[in-house]
């Protein structure tokens, strides 16, 4: 039986030690019987060919889509990034994976209602409608019990995956439990 491939989606690519973090996550995938694919695995990222910044950006986009196409499962880091929500690149990867019928799992440090996350990270005040309003003027009126944007959370759930609380490795454990047939 061929090992399943997992695409590792998340803002880890922006960490100063991104190579180390993603290598660690790929090693964890191997420990659990999977092949980990990282956005940094693409030839374009490793290439020394000269490109304009926008050409490089498009090549990275195409290469990451190709990696998702090659995978069986996507694990997405759904922790708030640069304020209160999932990284927008990761959000795209979740949507792309859903549209391509991939199994998607997400992980977040602590599951709590999205409005609570927004209140903790973005100053809000009370609007005359009774809803909180953020400093940009947007109402906080999406209290449906979801932890991340409902389009993302239900892409994950409707793919057959789960949004689990904990670390990347905790998410891997959940996948193994879910995919191991009961005896």
Foldseek 3Di string as FASTA:
>chain_A
DDAFEEEEAAPLVVDPPSVVVQVVLQVLCVVLRHGYDYLCPFVLNVDPDDDDPVVSVVVSVVRSLVSLVRGQEYEYEFEDDPFQGGDPVSLVSLVSNLVVLHAYEYEYQDADWSVVSNVVGFPWDADPVRFIAGPVGDGPPPGPGGRHPPVNQVSNVVSVYHYYHDDSSVRSVVVSVVPDDDD
